[in-house]
Amino acid sequence: MSQTMTLDEKLDITLRAFELLEAGDREGYSRLLRTAPMPPYLAKVTKKTMGKEFLIQGGYNLSEAEAEFGSDWLNT
């Protein structure tokens, strides 16, 4: 998961996700949002409050957190 997304790519994903939500597709909205990298600070807080299993099972894109904290950050 080392691919970096541009801000425009992240914005595009967010806008498309909100279109799905407005159309009533909550599952599609949630699934699409998880493809955008979770900000490192949010990944760190989520790991602390919800646990690493939550992040892993949720299928979140953790590429930015891995780039900032190292590839093994979930296990430390």
N, C-alpha and C. Protein backbone atom coordinates (compact mmCIF):
# COMPACT_ATOMS: atom_id res chain seq x y z
N MET A 1 0.82 -1.19 0.00
CA MET A 1 0.00 0.00 0.00
C MET A 1 0.87 1.25 0.00
N SER A 2 1.73 1.41 -0.94
CA SER A 2 2.62 2.56 -0.90
C SER A 2 2.25 3.62 -1.93
N GLN A 3 1.16 3.44 -2.66
CA GLN A 3 0.75 4.42 -3.66
C GLN A 3 0.23 5.68 -2.98
N THR A 4 0.71 6.83 -3.45
CA THR A 4 0.29 8.10 -2.91
C THR A 4 -0.80 8.69 -3.79
N MET A 5 -1.88 9.14 -3.18
CA MET A 5 -2.96 9.78 -3.91
C MET A 5 -2.82 11.28 -3.83
N THR A 6 -3.15 11.93 -4.91
CA THR A 6 -3.14 13.39 -4.90
C THR A 6 -4.38 13.90 -4.18
N LEU A 7 -4.34 15.15 -3.81
CA LEU A 7 -5.50 15.76 -3.17
C LEU A 7 -6.71 15.73 -4.10
N ASP A 8 -6.48 15.96 -5.39
CA ASP A 8 -7.59 15.91 -6.36
C ASP A 8 -8.21 14.51 -6.43
N GLU A 9 -7.39 13.48 -6.36
CA GLU A 9 -7.91 12.11 -6.38
C GLU A 9 -8.73 11.83 -5.13
N LYS A 10 -8.25 12.29 -3.98
CA LYS A 10 -9.00 12.11 -2.73
C LYS A 10 -10.33 12.85 -2.78
N LEU A 11 -10.30 14.07 -3.32
CA LEU A 11 -11.53 14.86 -3.44
C LEU A 11 -12.52 14.18 -4.37
N ASP A 12 -12.03 13.64 -5.47
CA ASP A 12 -12.90 12.94 -6.42
C ASP A 12 -13.59 11.76 -5.76
N ILE A 13 -12.84 10.99 -4.99
CA ILE A 13 -13.42 9.84 -4.28
C ILE A 13 -14.49 10.32 -3.31
N THR A 14 -14.20 11.37 -2.57
CA THR A 14 -15.15 11.89 -1.60
C THR A 14 -16.43 12.37 -2.27
N LEU A 15 -16.29 13.09 -3.37
CA LEU A 15 -17.47 13.59 -4.08
C LEU A 15 -18.31 12.44 -4.64
N ARG A 16 -17.65 11.44 -5.22
CA ARG A 16 -18.38 10.28 -5.74
C ARG A 16 -19.06 9.51 -4.60
N ALA A 17 -18.40 9.43 -3.46
CA ALA A 17 -19.00 8.74 -2.31
C ALA A 17 -20.26 9.47 -1.84
N PHE A 18 -20.19 10.79 -1.78
CA PHE A 18 -21.37 11.55 -1.35
C PHE A 18 -22.51 11.43 -2.36
N GLU A 19 -22.19 11.28 -3.63
CA GLU A 19 -23.23 11.04 -4.63
C GLU A 19 -23.94 9.72 -4.35
N LEU A 20 -23.17 8.71 -3.98
CA LEU A 20 -23.77 7.42 -3.62
C LEU A 20 -24.65 7.55 -2.39
N LEU A 21 -24.18 8.28 -1.41
CA LEU A 21 -24.97 8.48 -0.19
C LEU A 21 -26.27 9.19 -0.51
N GLU A 22 -26.20 10.23 -1.32
CA GLU A 22 -27.42 10.96 -1.69
C GLU A 22 -28.39 10.08 -2.47
N ALA A 23 -27.86 9.10 -3.19
CA ALA A 23 -28.70 8.16 -3.94
C ALA A 23 -29.23 7.04 -3.05
N GLY A 24 -28.85 7.05 -1.78
CA GLY A 24 -29.34 6.04 -0.85
C GLY A 24 -28.47 4.80 -0.73
N ASP A 25 -27.30 4.82 -1.33
CA ASP A 25 -26.40 3.66 -1.28
C ASP A 25 -25.37 3.86 -0.17
N ARG A 26 -25.76 3.59 1.06
CA ARG A 26 -24.87 3.78 2.21
C ARG A 26 -23.69 2.81 2.17
N GLU A 27 -23.92 1.59 1.72
CA GLU A 27 -22.84 0.62 1.66
C GLU A 27 -21.80 1.02 0.62
N GLY A 28 -22.27 1.46 -0.54
CA GLY A 28 -21.35 1.92 -1.59
C GLY A 28 -20.57 3.14 -1.14
N TYR A 29 -21.25 4.05 -0.44
CA TYR A 29 -20.61 5.24 0.12
C TYR A 29 -19.46 4.86 1.05
N SER A 30 -19.75 3.96 1.98
CA SER A 30 -18.76 3.54 2.96
C SER A 30 -17.60 2.80 2.28
N ARG A 31 -17.93 1.92 1.36
CA ARG A 31 -16.90 1.14 0.66
C ARG A 31 -15.97 2.06 -0.14
N LEU A 32 -16.54 3.03 -0.84
CA LEU A 32 -15.74 3.93 -1.65
C LEU A 32 -14.86 4.83 -0.78
N LEU A 33 -15.38 5.34 0.31
CA LEU A 33 -14.58 6.19 1.19
C LEU A 33 -13.37 5.46 1.75
N ARG A 34 -13.51 4.16 1.98
CA ARG A 34 -12.38 3.40 2.53
C ARG A 34 -11.25 3.23 1.53
N THR A 35 -11.48 3.55 0.25
CA THR A 35 -10.40 3.44 -0.73
C THR A 35 -9.45 4.63 -0.66
N ALA A 36 -9.91 5.75 -0.12
CA ALA A 36 -9.04 6.91 0.06
C ALA A 36 -8.18 6.69 1.30
N PRO A 37 -6.94 7.11 1.27
CA PRO A 37 -6.06 6.90 2.43
C PRO A 37 -6.61 7.61 3.67
N MET A 38 -6.61 6.88 4.77
CA MET A 38 -6.99 7.47 6.04
C MET A 38 -5.82 8.34 6.51
N PRO A 39 -6.10 9.57 6.93
CA PRO A 39 -5.01 10.42 7.42
C PRO A 39 -4.28 9.74 8.59
N PRO A 40 -2.96 9.86 8.63
CA PRO A 40 -2.19 9.17 9.67
C PRO A 40 -2.66 9.47 11.10
N TYR A 41 -2.98 10.72 11.40
CA TYR A 41 -3.42 11.05 12.76
C TYR A 41 -4.71 10.32 13.09
N LEU A 42 -5.62 10.19 12.12
CA LEU A 42 -6.88 9.50 12.35
C LEU A 42 -6.66 8.00 12.48
N ALA A 43 -5.76 7.45 11.69
CA ALA A 43 -5.44 6.02 11.80
C ALA A 43 -4.87 5.70 13.17
N LYS A 44 -4.01 6.58 13.67
CA LYS A 44 -3.39 6.38 14.99
C LYS A 44 -4.44 6.42 16.10
N VAL A 45 -5.34 7.39 16.03
CA VAL A 45 -6.40 7.51 17.05
C VAL A 45 -7.36 6.32 16.95
N THR A 46 -7.69 5.93 15.72
CA THR A 46 -8.60 4.80 15.54
C THR A 46 -7.99 3.51 16.07
N LYS A 47 -6.71 3.32 15.82
CA LYS A 47 -6.03 2.14 16.35
C LYS A 47 -6.10 2.13 17.87
N LYS A 48 -5.87 3.29 18.48
CA LYS A 48 -5.86 3.38 19.94
C LYS A 48 -7.26 3.16 20.53
N THR A 49 -8.28 3.71 19.89
CA THR A 49 -9.63 3.63 20.46
C THR A 49 -10.41 2.40 20.03
N MET A 50 -10.20 1.95 18.78
CA MET A 50 -11.00 0.84 18.25
C MET A 50 -10.20 -0.45 18.11
N GLY A 51 -8.89 -0.32 18.07
CA GLY A 51 -8.04 -1.50 17.92
C GLY A 51 -7.61 -1.74 16.49
N LYS A 52 -6.48 -2.40 16.35
CA LYS A 52 -5.95 -2.66 15.01
C LYS A 52 -6.86 -3.58 14.20
N GLU A 53 -7.57 -4.47 14.86
CA GLU A 53 -8.47 -5.38 14.16
C GLU A 53 -9.57 -4.61 13.42
N PHE A 54 -10.06 -3.54 14.03
CA PHE A 54 -11.08 -2.70 13.40
C PHE A 54 -10.56 -2.15 12.07
N LEU A 55 -9.34 -1.67 12.06
CA LEU A 55 -8.75 -1.11 10.85
C LEU A 55 -8.52 -2.19 9.80
N ILE A 56 -8.02 -3.32 10.22
CA ILE A 56 -7.74 -4.41 9.29
C ILE A 56 -9.03 -4.96 8.70
N GLN A 57 -9.98 -5.30 9.56
CA GLN A 57 -11.24 -5.88 9.09
C GLN A 57 -12.07 -4.89 8.28
N GLY A 58 -11.90 -3.60 8.57
CA GLY A 58 -12.66 -2.58 7.84
C GLY A 58 -12.16 -2.33 6.44
N GLY A 59 -10.97 -2.83 6.14
CA GLY A 59 -10.43 -2.65 4.80
C GLY A 59 -10.02 -1.23 4.48
N TYR A 60 -9.65 -0.48 5.49
CA TYR A 60 -9.25 0.91 5.29
C TYR A 60 -7.91 1.00 4.57
N ASN A 61 -7.75 2.05 3.78
CA ASN A 61 -6.50 2.32 3.10
C ASN A 61 -5.59 3.02 4.10
N LEU A 62 -4.57 2.33 4.55
CA LEU A 62 -3.67 2.84 5.58
C LEU A 62 -2.30 3.21 5.01
N SER A 63 -2.24 3.47 3.72
CA SER A 63 -0.97 3.72 3.06
C SER A 63 -0.26 4.96 3.61
N GLU A 64 -0.99 6.01 3.93
CA GLU A 64 -0.33 7.22 4.45
C GLU A 64 0.18 6.99 5.87
N ALA A 65 -0.55 6.23 6.66
CA ALA A 65 -0.09 5.90 8.02
C ALA A 65 1.16 5.03 7.95
N GLU A 66 1.18 4.07 7.02
CA GLU A 66 2.36 3.23 6.85
C GLU A 66 3.57 4.05 6.42
N ALA A 67 3.34 5.01 5.54
CA ALA A 67 4.43 5.87 5.07
C ALA A 67 4.98 6.72 6.22
N GLU A 68 4.10 7.18 7.09
CA GLU A 68 4.54 8.05 8.19
C GLU A 68 5.09 7.27 9.38
N PHE A 69 4.45 6.16 9.73
CA PHE A 69 4.80 5.43 10.95
C PHE A 69 5.62 4.16 10.71
N GLY A 70 5.74 3.74 9.46
CA GLY A 70 6.46 2.51 9.15
C GLY A 70 5.48 1.39 8.84
N SER A 71 5.94 0.41 8.10
CA SER A 71 5.06 -0.67 7.63
C SER A 71 4.53 -1.57 8.74
N ASP A 72 5.19 -1.56 9.89
CA ASP A 72 4.76 -2.45 10.98
C ASP A 72 4.04 -1.69 12.10
N TRP A 73 3.59 -0.47 11.83
CA TRP A 73 3.01 0.38 12.88
C TRP A 73 1.79 -0.21 13.54
N LEU A 74 1.02 -1.02 12.83
CA LEU A 74 -0.17 -1.62 13.45
C LEU A 74 0.21 -2.61 14.55
N ASN A 75 1.36 -3.22 14.43
CA ASN A 75 1.76 -4.25 15.40
C ASN A 75 2.60 -3.71 16.55
N THR A 76 2.81 -2.41 16.59
CA THR A 76 3.63 -1.86 17.68
C THR A 76 2.78 -1.13 18.69
